[in-house]
Amino acid sequence: MGEGGDSVGSALAFSLVCISTFGLISPAWFQSDRFSFGLFSSCSWPEGNDRNQTCVAYRTLEDMPDLAWKISAALLLGGWILLALRALILLSWMVLPKDLCPMKRRIPTHYIQAASVIASFLGLLLFPLNLASKVAQDACGPSSVYSSGQCHLGWGYITSILALVLTSLLAIVKRFQGRKIQEKKILFSSTPERIAFISKTKK
């Protein structure tokens, strides 16, 4: 992949980091008419006045109200860190001279991306377990595991799912393109061998 490919890959990687960030910091993963909660915060407001919100931030894992909440937050934060690390690596390949990047192409960024996808997927899968917590039941009424009661999905959870889907699709597309490039290399390398073989047989 040339410099143009590096710049496109870096831009896409940072776009995914931004989308994922908006999802993670959102307080609207599940919400009702007067309450919403996300991975790192929860908010409440008077009925009919959702602009006057009072929010509480979960700054550490100890502040989070449930064990599944903590595990989900750790997985999603780990997935985000891996995604950001991959974006920084791609940016360094694009910005720094080739002489300063002797390890370029040896760093398995596709494994970093795969680990990010797996961690994020597990985190998103585990988070609805928290619908049985006291915070969720105060917001959603009779909610339970994977049953949101009176709440509905908010834009934060949907954004995080979208970021995960895009990251997965890009990994699949890149792998498919890599296979096609490898097949072309094999085809081109075998063509001169065939020509040389034919010329020798004619002699």
Protein backbone atom coordinates (compact mmCIF):
# COMPACT_ATOMS: atom_id res chain seq x y z
CA MET A 1 0.00 0.00 0.00
CA GLY A 2 1.42 3.41 -1.00
CA GLU A 3 1.24 6.80 0.63
CA GLY A 4 -2.26 7.39 -0.72
CA GLY A 5 -3.42 4.14 0.83
CA ASP A 6 -1.78 5.08 4.14
CA SER A 7 -3.56 8.45 4.21
CA VAL A 8 -6.95 6.91 3.43
CA GLY A 9 -6.44 4.17 6.02
CA SER A 10 -5.38 6.70 8.64
CA ALA A 11 -8.37 8.97 7.90
CA LEU A 12 -10.80 6.06 8.15
CA ALA A 13 -9.19 4.85 11.37
CA PHE A 14 -9.48 8.26 13.04
CA SER A 15 -13.07 8.62 11.79
CA LEU A 16 -13.92 5.34 13.50
CA VAL A 17 -12.20 6.51 16.69
CA CYS A 18 -14.33 9.68 16.67
CA ILE A 19 -17.57 7.79 16.05
CA SER A 20 -16.72 5.33 18.81
CA THR A 21 -15.87 8.20 21.19
CA PHE A 22 -19.24 9.88 20.66
CA GLY A 23 -20.94 6.58 21.43
CA LEU A 24 -18.94 5.85 24.57
CA ILE A 25 -19.39 9.28 26.19
CA SER A 26 -23.09 9.48 25.41
CA PRO A 27 -25.43 9.31 28.44
CA ALA A 28 -28.22 8.00 26.19
CA TRP A 29 -27.71 4.26 25.75
CA PHE A 30 -31.13 3.53 27.21
CA GLN A 31 -33.64 6.26 28.02
CA SER A 32 -37.17 6.90 29.20
CA ASP A 33 -39.26 10.07 29.36
CA ARG A 34 -37.33 11.49 32.33
CA PHE A 35 -34.12 9.49 32.63
CA SER A 36 -31.28 8.15 30.53
CA PHE A 37 -28.10 6.26 31.27
CA GLY A 38 -25.00 5.38 29.31
CA LEU A 39 -21.72 3.66 29.89
CA PHE A 40 -20.04 6.48 31.84
CA SER A 41 -22.93 8.70 32.96
CA SER A 42 -26.63 8.93 33.70
CA CYS A 43 -28.98 11.93 33.42
CA SER A 44 -32.42 12.94 34.69
CA TRP A 45 -34.69 15.89 33.93
CA PRO A 46 -38.15 17.23 34.81
CA GLU A 47 -41.02 15.84 32.79
CA GLY A 48 -41.44 17.74 29.55
CA ASN A 49 -38.16 19.66 29.97
CA ASP A 50 -35.35 17.46 28.74
CA ARG A 51 -33.06 20.46 28.22
CA ASN A 52 -32.70 20.97 31.96
CA GLN A 53 -30.72 17.82 32.66
CA THR A 54 -28.85 16.79 35.79
CA CYS A 55 -26.12 14.27 35.04
CA VAL A 56 -23.91 12.04 37.16
CA ALA A 57 -20.58 10.81 35.74
CA TYR A 58 -19.04 7.42 36.52
CA ARG A 59 -15.39 8.44 36.61
CA THR A 60 -14.00 5.12 37.85
CA LEU A 61 -15.08 1.50 37.73
CA GLU A 62 -15.93 1.69 41.44
CA ASP A 63 -18.56 4.35 40.70
CA MET A 64 -20.43 2.05 38.33
CA PRO A 65 -23.49 0.42 39.87
CA ASP A 66 -23.12 -3.19 38.74
CA LEU A 67 -20.42 -5.81 38.07
CA ALA A 68 -21.57 -6.37 34.47
CA TRP A 69 -21.45 -2.61 34.01
CA LYS A 70 -17.81 -2.55 35.10
CA ILE A 71 -16.85 -5.47 32.86
CA SER A 72 -18.64 -3.93 29.89
CA ALA A 73 -16.95 -0.57 30.48
CA ALA A 74 -13.50 -2.18 30.76
CA LEU A 75 -14.01 -4.14 27.52
CA LEU A 76 -15.35 -1.19 25.55
CA LEU A 77 -12.66 1.15 26.82
CA GLY A 78 -10.03 -1.46 25.93
CA GLY A 79 -11.50 -1.82 22.46
CA TRP A 80 -11.44 1.96 22.02
CA ILE A 81 -7.79 2.17 23.14
CA LEU A 82 -6.80 -0.52 20.62
CA LEU A 83 -8.70 1.30 17.89
CA ALA A 84 -6.96 4.58 18.76
CA LEU A 85 -3.57 2.80 18.90
CA ARG A 86 -4.07 1.41 15.40
CA ALA A 87 -5.02 4.88 14.12
CA LEU A 88 -1.87 6.38 15.63
CA ILE A 89 0.29 3.66 14.08
CA LEU A 90 -1.21 4.30 10.64
CA LEU A 91 -0.69 8.05 11.11
CA SER A 92 2.96 7.53 12.04
CA TRP A 93 3.48 5.46 8.88
CA MET A 94 2.04 8.29 6.81
CA VAL A 95 3.85 11.21 8.50
CA LEU A 96 7.27 9.87 9.44
CA PRO A 97 9.94 9.19 6.78
CA LYS A 98 10.43 5.58 5.76
CA ASP A 99 13.94 5.57 7.24
CA LEU A 100 12.46 6.30 10.68
CA CYS A 101 9.94 3.47 10.40
CA PRO A 102 12.03 0.31 9.99
CA MET A 103 9.24 -1.75 11.56
CA LYS A 104 6.67 -0.53 9.05
CA ARG A 105 4.45 -3.35 7.80
CA ARG A 106 5.84 -5.65 10.50
CA ILE A 107 3.37 -4.39 13.10
CA PRO A 108 0.24 -6.55 12.77
CA THR A 109 -2.35 -3.76 12.74
CA HIS A 110 -5.02 -6.18 11.53
CA TYR A 111 -4.62 -8.16 14.75
CA ILE A 112 -4.99 -4.95 16.76
CA GLN A 113 -8.15 -4.16 14.83
CA ALA A 114 -9.50 -7.68 15.35
CA ALA A 115 -8.82 -7.48 19.10
CA SER A 116 -10.63 -4.12 19.20
CA VAL A 117 -13.66 -5.60 17.42
CA ILE A 118 -13.82 -8.61 19.77
CA ALA A 119 -13.48 -6.51 22.93
CA SER A 120 -16.09 -3.98 21.75
CA PHE A 121 -18.50 -6.73 20.69
CA LEU A 122 -18.29 -8.43 24.08
CA GLY A 123 -18.73 -5.10 25.87
CA LEU A 124 -21.84 -4.21 23.85
CA LEU A 125 -23.22 -7.71 24.32
CA LEU A 126 -22.77 -7.59 28.10
CA PHE A 127 -24.14 -4.10 28.71
CA PRO A 128 -27.87 -5.04 28.50
CA LEU A 129 -27.26 -7.31 31.52
CA ASN A 130 -27.28 -4.05 33.50
CA LEU A 131 -30.97 -3.56 32.76
CA ALA A 132 -31.52 -5.61 35.92
CA SER A 133 -29.56 -3.09 38.02
CA LYS A 134 -31.17 -0.56 40.36
CA VAL A 135 -30.17 2.37 38.12
CA ALA A 136 -31.91 0.81 35.13
CA GLN A 137 -35.00 -0.15 37.14
CA ASP A 138 -35.31 3.38 38.53
CA ALA A 139 -35.21 4.67 34.96
CA CYS A 140 -37.11 1.97 33.10
CA GLY A 141 -39.51 0.52 35.64
CA PRO A 142 -39.83 -3.27 35.44
CA SER A 143 -36.66 -3.86 33.45
CA SER A 144 -34.59 -7.03 33.56
CA VAL A 145 -31.72 -8.66 31.70
CA TYR A 146 -32.15 -7.88 27.96
CA SER A 147 -35.58 -6.39 28.69
CA SER A 148 -35.61 -2.60 28.79
CA GLY A 149 -39.07 -2.17 30.31
CA GLN A 150 -40.28 1.38 29.63
CA CYS A 151 -36.93 2.47 28.15
CA HIS A 152 -35.87 2.44 24.54
CA LEU A 153 -32.50 2.38 22.81
CA GLY A 154 -30.74 5.72 22.75
CA TRP A 155 -28.42 7.20 20.16
CA GLY A 156 -25.29 6.39 22.18
CA TYR A 157 -25.75 2.63 22.09
CA ILE A 158 -26.75 2.72 18.43
CA THR A 159 -23.67 4.84 17.60
CA SER A 160 -21.40 2.35 19.38
CA ILE A 161 -22.97 -0.52 17.44
CA LEU A 162 -22.51 1.43 14.18
CA ALA A 163 -18.82 2.02 14.98
CA LEU A 164 -18.37 -1.70 15.64
CA VAL A 165 -20.09 -2.67 12.38
CA LEU A 166 -17.99 -0.23 10.33
CA THR A 167 -14.76 -1.42 11.96
CA SER A 168 -15.68 -5.04 11.22
CA LEU A 169 -16.60 -4.28 7.60
CA LEU A 170 -13.37 -2.41 6.98
CA ALA A 171 -11.37 -5.32 8.39
CA ILE A 172 -13.21 -7.76 6.09
CA VAL A 173 -12.77 -5.52 3.02
CA LYS A 174 -9.06 -5.02 3.73
CA ARG A 175 -8.55 -8.77 4.14
CA PHE A 176 -10.36 -9.45 0.86
CA GLN A 177 -8.29 -6.81 -0.95
CA GLY A 178 -5.10 -8.29 0.51
CA ARG A 179 -5.99 -11.69 -0.89
CA LYS A 180 -6.67 -10.22 -4.34
CA ILE A 181 -3.32 -8.40 -4.33
CA GLN A 182 -1.57 -11.62 -3.30
CA GLU A 183 -3.29 -13.53 -6.11
CA LYS A 184 -2.19 -10.90 -8.61
CA LYS A 185 1.40 -11.12 -7.38
CA ILE A 186 1.36 -14.89 -7.80
CA LEU A 187 -0.13 -14.52 -11.29
CA PHE A 188 2.46 -11.96 -12.40
CA SER A 189 5.35 -13.93 -10.91
CA SER A 190 4.27 -17.13 -12.63
CA THR A 191 3.83 -15.47 -16.06
CA PRO A 192 7.57 -14.76 -16.64
CA GLU A 193 8.36 -18.31 -15.54
CA ARG A 194 5.98 -19.68 -18.16
CA ILE A 195 7.50 -17.43 -20.85
CA ALA A 196 11.01 -18.57 -19.90
CA PHE A 197 9.90 -22.19 -19.95
CA ILE A 198 8.34 -21.85 -23.42
CA SER A 199 11.45 -20.13 -24.79
CA LYS A 200 13.64 -22.92 -23.47
CA THR A 201 11.49 -25.64 -24.98
CA LYS A 202 11.58 -23.92 -28.38
CA LYS A 203 15.38 -23.92 -28.34
